[in-house]
Amino acid sequence: MSDKPFYQDENPTIRLRTWAFGQMVWGAFLAGVCLLGIGIFFGVIYAIGLLLPEESRQTPDPMPRSSLEQPLTVQGNDLA
């Protein structure tokens, strides 16, 4: 082994590339953890939905689609 530190004679460009790659790997790891957390959250919601009784899944929609749709023209208009 040598008495001087390993990084003393290292090229600054290589050191910068190593640091940048390490930052990218750390960011990818954090993104993976967040994605896993979102997947677990949706999995828990799905599992809770499976525990509900069958009757609760067959109820009518509380917000009918007809209230969201609007006619293109007003009745009694020449364009209608």
N, C-alpha and C. Protein backbone atom coordinates (compact mmCIF):
# COMPACT_ATOMS: atom_id res chain seq x y z
N MET A 1 0.83 -1.17 0.00
CA MET A 1 0.00 0.00 0.00
C MET A 1 0.88 1.24 0.00
N SER A 2 0.27 2.29 -0.44
CA SER A 2 0.98 3.56 -0.55
C SER A 2 0.71 4.41 0.69
N ASP A 3 1.64 5.32 0.98
CA ASP A 3 1.47 6.21 2.12
C ASP A 3 0.61 7.43 1.78
N LYS A 4 0.46 7.75 0.50
CA LYS A 4 -0.32 8.93 0.13
C LYS A 4 -1.77 8.52 -0.19
N PRO A 5 -2.69 9.44 -0.02
CA PRO A 5 -4.10 9.12 -0.27
C PRO A 5 -4.35 8.77 -1.73
N PHE A 6 -5.34 7.94 -1.96
CA PHE A 6 -5.64 7.47 -3.31
C PHE A 6 -6.10 8.61 -4.20
N TYR A 7 -6.89 9.55 -3.66
CA TYR A 7 -7.47 10.61 -4.48
C TYR A 7 -6.52 11.78 -4.72
N GLN A 8 -5.33 11.74 -4.19
CA GLN A 8 -4.42 12.88 -4.33
C GLN A 8 -3.99 13.08 -5.78
N ASP A 9 -3.69 12.02 -6.49
CA ASP A 9 -3.19 12.14 -7.86
C ASP A 9 -4.29 11.90 -8.90
N GLU A 10 -5.54 11.86 -8.48
CA GLU A 10 -6.62 11.58 -9.42
C GLU A 10 -6.90 12.81 -10.27
N ASN A 11 -7.27 12.56 -11.50
CA ASN A 11 -7.60 13.62 -12.43
C ASN A 11 -8.90 14.30 -11.98
N PRO A 12 -8.98 15.64 -11.95
CA PRO A 12 -10.21 16.32 -11.52
C PRO A 12 -11.42 16.00 -12.41
N THR A 13 -11.19 15.74 -13.69
CA THR A 13 -12.29 15.40 -14.59
C THR A 13 -12.90 14.07 -14.20
N ILE A 14 -12.07 13.10 -13.87
CA ILE A 14 -12.57 11.79 -13.47
C ILE A 14 -13.30 11.91 -12.13
N ARG A 15 -12.78 12.72 -11.24
CA ARG A 15 -13.43 12.90 -9.94
C ARG A 15 -14.82 13.55 -10.13
N LEU A 16 -14.92 14.53 -11.04
CA LEU A 16 -16.20 15.17 -11.31
C LEU A 16 -17.18 14.18 -11.93
N ARG A 17 -16.71 13.36 -12.85
CA ARG A 17 -17.59 12.36 -13.47
C ARG A 17 -18.08 11.35 -12.45
N THR A 18 -17.21 10.93 -11.56
CA THR A 18 -17.59 9.98 -10.52
C THR A 18 -18.63 10.60 -9.59
N TRP A 19 -18.43 11.88 -9.23
CA TRP A 19 -19.39 12.55 -8.36
C TRP A 19 -20.74 12.69 -9.07
N ALA A 20 -20.74 13.09 -10.34
CA ALA A 20 -21.99 13.27 -11.09
C ALA A 20 -22.73 11.94 -11.24
N PHE A 21 -22.00 10.87 -11.54
CA PHE A 21 -22.64 9.56 -11.66
C PHE A 21 -23.24 9.12 -10.32
N GLY A 22 -22.53 9.38 -9.25
CA GLY A 22 -23.05 9.05 -7.92
C GLY A 22 -24.32 9.82 -7.61
N GLN A 23 -24.37 11.10 -8.00
CA GLN A 23 -25.58 11.89 -7.78
C GLN A 23 -26.75 11.36 -8.60
N MET A 24 -26.48 10.95 -9.84
CA MET A 24 -27.54 10.39 -10.68
C MET A 24 -28.06 9.07 -10.11
N VAL A 25 -27.17 8.23 -9.63
CA VAL A 25 -27.58 6.97 -9.03
C VAL A 25 -28.41 7.21 -7.77
N TRP A 26 -28.00 8.17 -6.95
CA TRP A 26 -28.76 8.49 -5.75
C TRP A 26 -30.16 9.03 -6.11
N GLY A 27 -30.24 9.87 -7.12
CA GLY A 27 -31.54 10.39 -7.58
C GLY A 27 -32.42 9.28 -8.12
N ALA A 28 -31.85 8.34 -8.87
CA ALA A 28 -32.62 7.22 -9.38
C ALA A 28 -33.12 6.34 -8.24
N PHE A 29 -32.32 6.18 -7.22
CA PHE A 29 -32.74 5.40 -6.05
C PHE A 29 -33.91 6.07 -5.35
N LEU A 30 -33.83 7.38 -5.14
CA LEU A 30 -34.92 8.11 -4.49
C LEU A 30 -36.20 8.06 -5.32
N ALA A 31 -36.06 8.18 -6.65
CA ALA A 31 -37.23 8.08 -7.51
C ALA A 31 -37.86 6.70 -7.43
N GLY A 32 -37.03 5.67 -7.36
CA GLY A 32 -37.54 4.31 -7.20
C GLY A 32 -38.27 4.11 -5.89
N VAL A 33 -37.74 4.71 -4.82
CA VAL A 33 -38.41 4.60 -3.52
C VAL A 33 -39.76 5.31 -3.57
N CYS A 34 -39.83 6.47 -4.20
CA CYS A 34 -41.10 7.19 -4.33
C CYS A 34 -42.09 6.39 -5.16
N LEU A 35 -41.63 5.80 -6.25
CA LEU A 35 -42.51 4.99 -7.09
C LEU A 35 -43.01 3.77 -6.34
N LEU A 36 -42.16 3.16 -5.58
CA LEU A 36 -42.57 2.01 -4.76
C LEU A 36 -43.60 2.44 -3.71
N GLY A 37 -43.40 3.61 -3.11
CA GLY A 37 -44.35 4.12 -2.13
C GLY A 37 -45.72 4.37 -2.76
N ILE A 38 -45.75 4.93 -3.96
CA ILE A 38 -47.02 5.16 -4.65
C ILE A 38 -47.69 3.83 -4.97
N GLY A 39 -46.91 2.85 -5.42
CA GLY A 39 -47.47 1.54 -5.71
C GLY A 39 -48.04 0.87 -4.47
N ILE A 40 -47.35 0.99 -3.35
CA ILE A 40 -47.85 0.41 -2.10
C ILE A 40 -49.13 1.12 -1.67
N PHE A 41 -49.18 2.44 -1.82
CA PHE A 41 -50.38 3.20 -1.47
C PHE A 41 -51.59 2.73 -2.28
N PHE A 42 -51.43 2.61 -3.60
CA PHE A 42 -52.53 2.14 -4.44
C PHE A 42 -52.87 0.68 -4.14
N GLY A 43 -51.89 -0.12 -3.80
CA GLY A 43 -52.16 -1.51 -3.43
C GLY A 43 -52.99 -1.60 -2.16
N VAL A 44 -52.69 -0.75 -1.18
CA VAL A 44 -53.47 -0.74 0.06
C VAL A 44 -54.91 -0.29 -0.22
N ILE A 45 -55.08 0.73 -1.05
CA ILE A 45 -56.43 1.19 -1.41
C ILE A 45 -57.19 0.06 -2.12
N TYR A 46 -56.54 -0.65 -3.02
CA TYR A 46 -57.17 -1.76 -3.73
C TYR A 46 -57.55 -2.88 -2.76
N ALA A 47 -56.67 -3.19 -1.83
CA ALA A 47 -56.94 -4.26 -0.86
C ALA A 47 -58.12 -3.87 0.05
N ILE A 48 -58.20 -2.61 0.44
CA ILE A 48 -59.33 -2.16 1.24
C ILE A 48 -60.62 -2.27 0.43
N GLY A 49 -60.55 -1.96 -0.86
CA GLY A 49 -61.72 -2.08 -1.72
C GLY A 49 -62.19 -3.52 -1.85
N LEU A 50 -61.26 -4.46 -1.83
CA LEU A 50 -61.64 -5.87 -1.89
C LEU A 50 -62.31 -6.34 -0.61
N LEU A 51 -62.04 -5.70 0.51
CA LEU A 51 -62.64 -6.08 1.77
C LEU A 51 -64.07 -5.56 1.92
N LEU A 52 -64.47 -4.60 1.10
CA LEU A 52 -65.81 -4.05 1.19
C LEU A 52 -66.83 -5.09 0.71
N PRO A 53 -68.06 -5.01 1.20
CA PRO A 53 -69.08 -5.96 0.75
C PRO A 53 -69.44 -5.74 -0.72
N GLU A 54 -69.98 -6.76 -1.35
CA GLU A 54 -70.29 -6.71 -2.77
C GLU A 54 -71.37 -5.66 -3.07
N GLU A 55 -72.29 -5.44 -2.14
CA GLU A 55 -73.37 -4.48 -2.37
C GLU A 55 -72.83 -3.06 -2.53
N SER A 56 -71.73 -2.76 -1.88
CA SER A 56 -71.18 -1.40 -1.97
C SER A 56 -70.59 -1.12 -3.35
N ARG A 57 -70.26 -2.17 -4.08
CA ARG A 57 -69.70 -1.98 -5.43
C ARG A 57 -70.79 -1.87 -6.48
N GLN A 58 -72.03 -2.15 -6.13
CA GLN A 58 -73.12 -2.14 -7.11
C GLN A 58 -74.04 -0.95 -6.95
N THR A 59 -73.66 0.03 -6.18
CA THR A 59 -74.49 1.21 -6.00
C THR A 59 -74.41 2.10 -7.24
N PRO A 60 -75.46 2.88 -7.50
CA PRO A 60 -75.43 3.77 -8.68
C PRO A 60 -74.41 4.89 -8.48
N ASP A 61 -74.00 5.44 -9.59
CA ASP A 61 -73.03 6.52 -9.57
C ASP A 61 -73.64 7.74 -8.89
N PRO A 62 -73.00 8.34 -7.88
CA PRO A 62 -73.59 9.49 -7.19
C PRO A 62 -73.61 10.74 -8.06
N MET A 63 -72.82 10.78 -9.11
CA MET A 63 -72.80 11.95 -9.98
C MET A 63 -73.11 11.50 -11.40
N PRO A 64 -74.36 11.62 -11.83
CA PRO A 64 -74.71 11.13 -13.17
C PRO A 64 -73.99 11.94 -14.24
N ARG A 65 -73.68 11.27 -15.31
CA ARG A 65 -72.95 11.91 -16.40
C ARG A 65 -73.77 12.97 -17.11
N SER A 66 -75.09 12.86 -17.06
CA SER A 66 -75.91 13.84 -17.77
C SER A 66 -75.74 15.24 -17.19
N SER A 67 -75.40 15.35 -15.93
CA SER A 67 -75.21 16.67 -15.34
C SER A 67 -73.89 17.29 -15.78
N LEU A 68 -72.98 16.47 -16.25
CA LEU A 68 -71.69 17.00 -16.70
C LEU A 68 -71.70 17.40 -18.16
N GLU A 69 -72.63 16.83 -18.93
CA GLU A 69 -72.68 17.12 -20.36
C GLU A 69 -73.58 18.31 -20.61
N GLN A 70 -73.18 19.18 -21.51
CA GLN A 70 -73.97 20.34 -21.85
C GLN A 70 -74.25 20.32 -23.34
N PRO A 71 -75.40 20.82 -23.74
CA PRO A 71 -75.70 20.83 -25.18
C PRO A 71 -74.77 21.80 -25.91
N LEU A 72 -74.57 21.53 -27.19
CA LEU A 72 -73.71 22.39 -27.98
C LEU A 72 -74.37 23.73 -28.27
N THR A 73 -75.68 23.72 -28.43
CA THR A 73 -76.40 24.97 -28.73
C THR A 73 -77.60 25.07 -27.80
N VAL A 74 -78.10 26.27 -27.68
CA VAL A 74 -79.26 26.53 -26.85
C VAL A 74 -80.52 26.22 -27.66
N GLN A 75 -81.54 25.63 -27.03
CA GLN A 75 -82.78 25.33 -27.72
C GLN A 75 -83.45 26.63 -28.17
N GLY A 76 -84.02 26.63 -29.35
CA GLY A 76 -84.70 27.81 -29.88
C GLY A 76 -83.77 28.72 -30.64
N ASN A 77 -82.52 28.37 -30.76
CA ASN A 77 -81.56 29.17 -31.50
C ASN A 77 -81.62 28.77 -32.98
N ASP A 78 -81.25 29.66 -33.87
CA ASP A 78 -81.28 29.35 -35.30
C ASP A 78 -80.25 28.28 -35.64
N LEU A 79 -79.21 28.13 -34.83
CA LEU A 79 -78.17 27.15 -35.13
C LEU A 79 -78.60 25.73 -34.75
N ALA A 80 -79.65 25.58 -33.94
CA ALA A 80 -80.07 24.26 -33.47
C ALA A 80 -80.84 23.49 -34.50
